[in-house]
């Protein structure tokens, strides 16, 4: 039973985009690893940019700087 956890910043990802992610990851596991799609679980966590850091800096600050 594959379990995939996708973490993305919370910045307006639509339900349709999330559906494409779930379907795409499920298809990838089925194609590449021959995993059963019926037992593949995909979780999408949306994280506020104030709660995500890159290179010692919050994503919010990096985005405000234009980096």
PDB file of N, CA and C in Angstrom:
ATOM      1  N   UNK A   1       0.842  -1.181   0.000  1.00  0.00           N
ATOM      2  CA  UNK A   1       0.000   0.000   0.000  1.00  0.00           C
ATOM      3  C   UNK A   1       0.884   1.239   0.000  1.00  0.00           C
ATOM      4  N   UNK A   2       1.126   1.847  -1.145  1.00  0.00           N
ATOM      5  CA  UNK A   2       1.933   3.063  -1.195  1.00  0.00           C
ATOM      6  C   UNK A   2       1.229   4.235  -0.518  1.00  0.00           C
ATOM      7  N   UNK A   3       2.033   5.033   0.140  1.00  0.00           N
ATOM      8  CA  UNK A   3       1.557   6.251   0.794  1.00  0.00           C
ATOM      9  C   UNK A   3       2.481   7.373   0.374  1.00  0.00           C
ATOM     10  N   UNK A   4       1.916   8.409  -0.258  1.00  0.00           N
ATOM     11  CA  UNK A   4       2.703   9.549  -0.726  1.00  0.00           C
ATOM     12  C   UNK A   4       2.176  10.803  -0.047  1.00  0.00           C
ATOM     13  N   UNK A   5       3.095  11.588   0.515  1.00  0.00           N
ATOM     14  CA  UNK A   5       2.728  12.844   1.151  1.00  0.00           C
ATOM     15  C   UNK A   5       3.383  13.970   0.376  1.00  0.00           C
ATOM     16  N   UNK A   6       2.570  14.838  -0.212  1.00  0.00           N
ATOM     17  CA  UNK A   6       3.048  15.983  -0.981  1.00  0.00           C
ATOM     18  C   UNK A   6       2.862  17.224  -0.128  1.00  0.00           C
ATOM     19  N   UNK A   7       3.919  17.980   0.045  1.00  0.00           N
ATOM     20  CA  UNK A   7       3.842  19.235   0.793  1.00  0.00           C
ATOM     21  C   UNK A   7       4.098  20.377  -0.182  1.00  0.00           C
ATOM     22  N   UNK A   8       3.155  21.313  -0.209  1.00  0.00           N
ATOM     23  CA  UNK A   8       3.270  22.483  -1.071  1.00  0.00           C
ATOM     24  C   UNK A   8       2.947  23.722  -0.249  1.00  0.00           C
ATOM     25  N   UNK A   9       3.424  24.877  -0.714  1.00  0.00           N
ATOM     26  CA  UNK A   9       3.059  26.105  -0.020  1.00  0.00           C
ATOM     27  C   UNK A   9       1.604  26.443  -0.338  1.00  0.00           C
ATOM     28  N   UNK A  10       0.956  27.020   0.641  1.00  0.00           N
ATOM     29  CA  UNK A  10      -0.461  27.363   0.523  1.00  0.00           C
ATOM     30  C   UNK A  10      -0.586  28.690  -0.228  1.00  0.00           C
ATOM     31  N   UNK A  11      -0.741  28.568  -1.541  1.00  0.00           N
ATOM     32  CA  UNK A  11      -0.771  29.764  -2.380  1.00  0.00           C
ATOM     33  C   UNK A  11      -1.775  29.608  -3.518  1.00  0.00           C
ATOM     34  N   UNK A  12      -2.961  29.165  -3.188  1.00  0.00           N
ATOM     35  CA  UNK A  12      -4.035  29.173  -4.168  1.00  0.00           C
ATOM     36  C   UNK A  12      -4.074  28.009  -5.144  1.00  0.00           C
ATOM     37  N   UNK A  13      -3.555  26.851  -4.742  1.00  0.00           N
ATOM     38  CA  UNK A  13      -3.665  25.670  -5.600  1.00  0.00           C
ATOM     39  C   UNK A  13      -5.133  25.268  -5.653  1.00  0.00           C
ATOM     40  N   UNK A  14      -5.632  25.037  -6.855  1.00  0.00           N
ATOM     41  CA  UNK A  14      -7.054  24.728  -7.025  1.00  0.00           C
ATOM     42  C   UNK A  14      -7.345  23.252  -6.771  1.00  0.00           C
ATOM     43  N   UNK A  15      -8.598  22.952  -6.564  1.00  0.00           N
ATOM     44  CA  UNK A  15      -9.036  21.567  -6.397  1.00  0.00           C
ATOM     45  C   UNK A  15      -8.687  20.753  -7.644  1.00  0.00           C
ATOM     46  N   UNK A  16      -8.845  21.354  -8.811  1.00  0.00           N
ATOM     47  CA  UNK A  16      -8.530  20.664 -10.068  1.00  0.00           C
ATOM     48  C   UNK A  16      -7.036  20.336 -10.147  1.00  0.00           C
ATOM     49  N   UNK A  17      -6.185  21.247  -9.711  1.00  0.00           N
ATOM     50  CA  UNK A  17      -4.742  20.991  -9.717  1.00  0.00           C
ATOM     51  C   UNK A  17      -4.387  19.873  -8.738  1.00  0.00           C
ATOM     52  N   UNK A  18      -5.032  19.876  -7.582  1.00  0.00           N
ATOM     53  CA  UNK A  18      -4.793  18.814  -6.600  1.00  0.00           C
ATOM     54  C   UNK A  18      -5.229  17.466  -7.160  1.00  0.00           C
ATOM     55  N   UNK A  19      -6.350  17.441  -7.849  1.00  0.00           N
ATOM     56  CA  UNK A  19      -6.819  16.202  -8.458  1.00  0.00           C
ATOM     57  C   UNK A  19      -5.810  15.680  -9.476  1.00  0.00           C
ATOM     58  N   UNK A  20      -5.234  16.588 -10.262  1.00  0.00           N
ATOM     59  CA  UNK A  20      -4.207  16.196 -11.232  1.00  0.00           C
ATOM     60  C   UNK A  20      -2.962  15.636 -10.536  1.00  0.00           C
ATOM     61  N   UNK A  21      -2.565  16.232  -9.422  1.00  0.00           N
ATOM     62  CA  UNK A  21      -1.435  15.713  -8.658  1.00  0.00           C
ATOM     63  C   UNK A  21      -1.711  14.302  -8.156  1.00  0.00           C
ATOM     64  N   UNK A  22      -2.880  14.107  -7.559  1.00  0.00           N
ATOM     65  CA  UNK A  22      -3.246  12.789  -7.028  1.00  0.00           C
ATOM     66  C   UNK A  22      -3.274  11.748  -8.144  1.00  0.00           C
ATOM     67  N   UNK A  23      -3.916  12.073  -9.245  1.00  0.00           N
ATOM     68  CA  UNK A  23      -4.004  11.140 -10.366  1.00  0.00           C
ATOM     69  C   UNK A  23      -2.618  10.864 -10.958  1.00  0.00           C
ATOM     70  N   UNK A  24      -1.817  11.906 -11.108  1.00  0.00           N
ATOM     71  CA  UNK A  24      -0.494  11.756 -11.699  1.00  0.00           C
ATOM     72  C   UNK A  24       0.434  10.904 -10.854  1.00  0.00           C
ATOM     73  N   UNK A  25       0.447  11.137  -9.549  1.00  0.00           N
ATOM     74  CA  UNK A  25       1.292  10.354  -8.652  1.00  0.00           C
ATOM     75  C   UNK A  25       0.831   8.897  -8.627  1.00  0.00           C
ATOM     76  N   UNK A  26      -0.470   8.709  -8.581  1.00  0.00           N
ATOM     77  CA  UNK A  26      -1.021   7.350  -8.586  1.00  0.00           C
ATOM     78  C   UNK A  26      -0.629   6.611  -9.862  1.00  0.00           C
ATOM     79  N   UNK A  27      -0.772   7.266 -10.995  1.00  0.00           N
ATOM     80  CA  UNK A  27      -0.390   6.667 -12.279  1.00  0.00           C
ATOM     81  C   UNK A  27       1.110   6.365 -12.324  1.00  0.00           C
ATOM     82  N   UNK A  28       1.928   7.277 -11.812  1.00  0.00           N
ATOM     83  CA  UNK A  28       3.375   7.084 -11.812  1.00  0.00           C
ATOM     84  C   UNK A  28       3.771   5.838 -11.013  1.00  0.00           C
ATOM     85  N   UNK A  29       3.207   5.697  -9.824  1.00  0.00           N
ATOM     86  CA  UNK A  29       3.514   4.528  -9.006  1.00  0.00           C
ATOM     87  C   UNK A  29       3.046   3.235  -9.670  1.00  0.00           C
ATOM     88  N   UNK A  30       1.911   3.311 -10.320  1.00  0.00           N
ATOM     89  CA  UNK A  30       1.394   2.143 -11.034  1.00  0.00           C
ATOM     90  C   UNK A  30       2.297   1.767 -12.202  1.00  0.00           C
ATOM     91  N   UNK A  31       2.718   2.768 -12.962  1.00  0.00           N
ATOM     92  CA  UNK A  31       3.540   2.535 -14.155  1.00  0.00           C
ATOM     93  C   UNK A  31       4.964   2.117 -13.803  1.00  0.00           C
ATOM     94  N   UNK A  32       5.597   2.846 -12.904  1.00  0.00           N
ATOM     95  CA  UNK A  32       7.010   2.628 -12.617  1.00  0.00           C
ATOM     96  C   UNK A  32       7.236   1.453 -11.660  1.00  0.00           C
ATOM     97  N   UNK A  33       6.396   1.343 -10.631  1.00  0.00           N
ATOM     98  CA  UNK A  33       6.613   0.320  -9.604  1.00  0.00           C
ATOM     99  C   UNK A  33       5.570  -0.795  -9.623  1.00  0.00           C
ATOM    100  N   UNK A  34       4.643  -0.726 -10.586  1.00  0.00           N
ATOM    101  CA  UNK A  34       3.583  -1.735 -10.696  1.00  0.00           C
ATOM    102  C   UNK A  34       2.744  -1.832  -9.419  1.00  0.00           C
ATOM    103  N   UNK A  35       2.487  -0.688  -8.805  1.00  0.00           N
ATOM    104  CA  UNK A  35       1.676  -0.650  -7.585  1.00  0.00           C
ATOM    105  C   UNK A  35       0.189  -0.576  -7.944  1.00  0.00           C
ATOM    106  N   UNK A  36      -0.625  -1.136  -7.087  1.00  0.00           N
ATOM    107  CA  UNK A  36      -2.068  -1.165  -7.283  1.00  0.00           C
ATOM    108  C   UNK A  36      -2.647   0.231  -7.008  1.00  0.00           C
ATOM    109  N   UNK A  37      -3.252   0.827  -8.002  1.00  0.00           N
ATOM    110  CA  UNK A  37      -3.842   2.165  -7.855  1.00  0.00           C
ATOM    111  C   UNK A  37      -4.928   2.207  -6.786  1.00  0.00           C
ATOM    112  N   UNK A  38      -5.640   1.095  -6.622  1.00  0.00           N
ATOM    113  CA  UNK A  38      -6.746   1.047  -5.655  1.00  0.00           C
ATOM    114  C   UNK A  38      -6.268   1.153  -4.214  1.00  0.00           C
ATOM    115  N   UNK A  39      -4.996   0.858  -3.976  1.00  0.00           N
ATOM    116  CA  UNK A  39      -4.480   0.930  -2.603  1.00  0.00           C
ATOM    117  C   UNK A  39      -3.428   2.021  -2.430  1.00  0.00           C
ATOM    118  N   UNK A  40      -3.313   2.901  -3.399  1.00  0.00           N
ATOM    119  CA  UNK A  40      -2.355   4.005  -3.320  1.00  0.00           C
ATOM    120  C   UNK A  40      -3.005   5.207  -2.649  1.00  0.00           C
ATOM    121  N   UNK A  41      -2.366   5.699  -1.613  1.00  0.00           N
ATOM    122  CA  UNK A  41      -2.875   6.845  -0.855  1.00  0.00           C
ATOM    123  C   UNK A  41      -1.993   8.061  -1.125  1.00  0.00           C
ATOM    124  N   UNK A  42      -2.616   9.191  -1.403  1.00  0.00           N
ATOM    125  CA  UNK A  42      -1.888  10.438  -1.637  1.00  0.00           C
ATOM    126  C   UNK A  42      -2.482  11.518  -0.732  1.00  0.00           C
ATOM    127  N   UNK A  43      -1.630  12.141   0.048  1.00  0.00           N
ATOM    128  CA  UNK A  43      -2.041  13.232   0.944  1.00  0.00           C
ATOM    129  C   UNK A  43      -1.343  14.499   0.478  1.00  0.00           C
ATOM    130  N   UNK A  44      -2.091  15.588   0.378  1.00  0.00           N
ATOM    131  CA  UNK A  44      -1.514  16.883   0.026  1.00  0.00           C
ATOM    132  C   UNK A  44      -1.641  17.795   1.245  1.00  0.00           C
ATOM    133  N   UNK A  45      -0.498  18.240   1.747  1.00  0.00           N
ATOM    134  CA  UNK A  45      -0.470  19.195   2.849  1.00  0.00           C
ATOM    135  C   UNK A  45      -0.104  20.557   2.289  1.00  0.00           C
ATOM    136  N   UNK A  46      -0.917  21.544   2.598  1.00  0.00           N
ATOM    137  CA  UNK A  46      -0.614  22.920   2.205  1.00  0.00           C
ATOM    138  C   UNK A  46      -0.058  23.646   3.427  1.00  0.00           C
ATOM    139  N   UNK A  47       1.134  24.197   3.271  1.00  0.00           N
ATOM    140  CA  UNK A  47       1.847  24.823   4.366  1.00  0.00           C
ATOM    141  C   UNK A  47       1.936  26.326   4.117  1.00  0.00           C
ATOM    142  N   UNK A  48       1.610  27.103   5.126  1.00  0.00           N
ATOM    143  CA  UNK A  48       1.751  28.559   5.031  1.00  0.00           C
ATOM    144  C   UNK A  48       3.214  28.905   4.779  1.00  0.00           C
ATOM    145  N   UNK A  49       3.466  29.917   3.982  1.00  0.00           N
ATOM    146  CA  UNK A  49       4.847  30.283   3.658  1.00  0.00           C
ATOM    147  C   UNK A  49       5.632  30.755   4.886  1.00  0.00           C
ATOM    148  N   UNK A  50       4.945  31.191   5.945  1.00  0.00           N
ATOM    149  CA  UNK A  50       5.618  31.550   7.198  1.00  0.00           C
ATOM    150  C   UNK A  50       6.099  30.313   7.951  1.00  0.00           C
ATOM    151  N   UNK A  51       5.633  29.130   7.539  1.00  0.00           N
ATOM    152  CA  UNK A  51       6.001  27.874   8.197  1.00  0.00           C
ATOM    153  C   UNK A  51       6.921  27.013   7.336  1.00  0.00           C
ATOM    154  N   UNK A  52       7.518  27.603   6.310  1.00  0.00           N
ATOM    155  CA  UNK A  52       8.398  26.866   5.404  1.00  0.00           C
ATOM    156  C   UNK A  52       9.673  27.671   5.225  1.00  0.00           C
ATOM    157  N   UNK A  53      10.797  27.036   5.433  1.00  0.00           N
ATOM    158  CA  UNK A  53      12.062  27.741   5.301  1.00  0.00           C
ATOM    159  C   UNK A  53      12.957  27.123   4.244  1.00  0.00           C
ATOM    160  N   UNK A  54      13.726  27.966   3.587  1.00  0.00           N
ATOM    161  CA  UNK A  54      14.726  27.536   2.605  1.00  0.00           C
ATOM    162  C   UNK A  54      16.007  28.303   2.906  1.00  0.00           C
ATOM    163  N   UNK A  55      17.094  27.585   3.044  1.00  0.00           N
ATOM    164  CA  UNK A  55      18.410  28.199   3.263  1.00  0.00           C
ATOM    165  C   UNK A  55      18.405  29.180   4.442  1.00  0.00           C
ATOM    166  N   UNK A  56      17.716  28.806   5.515  1.00  0.00           N
ATOM    167  CA  UNK A  56      17.705  29.630   6.716  1.00  0.00           C
ATOM    168  C   UNK A  56      16.779  30.827   6.678  1.00  0.00           C
ATOM    169  N   UNK A  57      15.874  30.844   5.719  1.00  0.00           N
ATOM    170  CA  UNK A  57      14.991  32.001   5.547  1.00  0.00           C
ATOM    171  C   UNK A  57      13.567  31.532   5.274  1.00  0.00           C
ATOM    172  N   UNK A  58      12.593  32.259   5.800  1.00  0.00           N
ATOM    173  CA  UNK A  58      11.202  31.920   5.530  1.00  0.00           C
ATOM    174  C   UNK A  58      10.851  32.193   4.075  1.00  0.00           C
ATOM    175  N   UNK A  59      10.035  31.328   3.515  1.00  0.00           N
ATOM    176  CA  UNK A  59       9.602  31.497   2.122  1.00  0.00           C
ATOM    177  C   UNK A  59       8.914  32.849   1.939  1.00  0.00           C
ATOM    178  N   UNK A  60       8.136  33.275   2.921  1.00  0.00           N
ATOM    179  CA  UNK A  60       7.454  34.574   2.837  1.00  0.00           C
ATOM    180  C   UNK A  60       8.455  35.689   2.561  1.00  0.00           C
ATOM    181  N   UNK A  61       9.556  35.693   3.308  1.00  0.00           N
ATOM    182  CA  UNK A  61      10.575  36.740   3.136  1.00  0.00           C
ATOM    183  C   UNK A  61      11.251  36.645   1.777  1.00  0.00           C
ATOM    184  N   UNK A  62      11.552  35.431   1.353  1.00  0.00           N
ATOM    185  CA  UNK A  62      12.179  35.242   0.038  1.00  0.00           C
ATOM    186  C   UNK A  62      11.265  35.748  -1.074  1.00  0.00           C
ATOM    187  N   UNK A  63       9.976  35.445  -0.961  1.00  0.00           N
ATOM    188  CA  UNK A  63       9.016  35.887  -1.973  1.00  0.00           C
ATOM    189  C   UNK A  63       8.881  37.402  -1.969  1.00  0.00           C
ATOM    190  N   UNK A  64       8.900  38.001  -0.777  1.00  0.00           N
ATOM    191  CA  UNK A  64       8.796  39.468  -0.686  1.00  0.00           C
ATOM    192  C   UNK A  64      10.007  40.155  -1.293  1.00  0.00           C
ATOM    193  N   UNK A  65      11.161  39.511  -1.226  1.00  0.00           N
ATOM    194  CA  UNK A  65      12.390  40.046  -1.810  1.00  0.00           C
ATOM    195  C   UNK A  65      12.444  39.821  -3.316  1.00  0.00           C
ATOM    196  N   UNK A  66      11.614  38.894  -3.811  1.00  0.00           N
ATOM    197  CA  UNK A  66      11.626  38.604  -5.234  1.00  0.00           C
ATOM    198  C   UNK A  66      12.589  37.502  -5.612  1.00  0.00           C
ATOM    199  N   UNK A  67      13.051  36.719  -4.651  1.00  0.00           N
ATOM    200  CA  UNK A  67      14.000  35.625  -4.925  1.00  0.00           C
ATOM    201  C   UNK A  67      13.266  34.354  -5.283  1.00  0.00           C
TER     202      UNK A  67
END
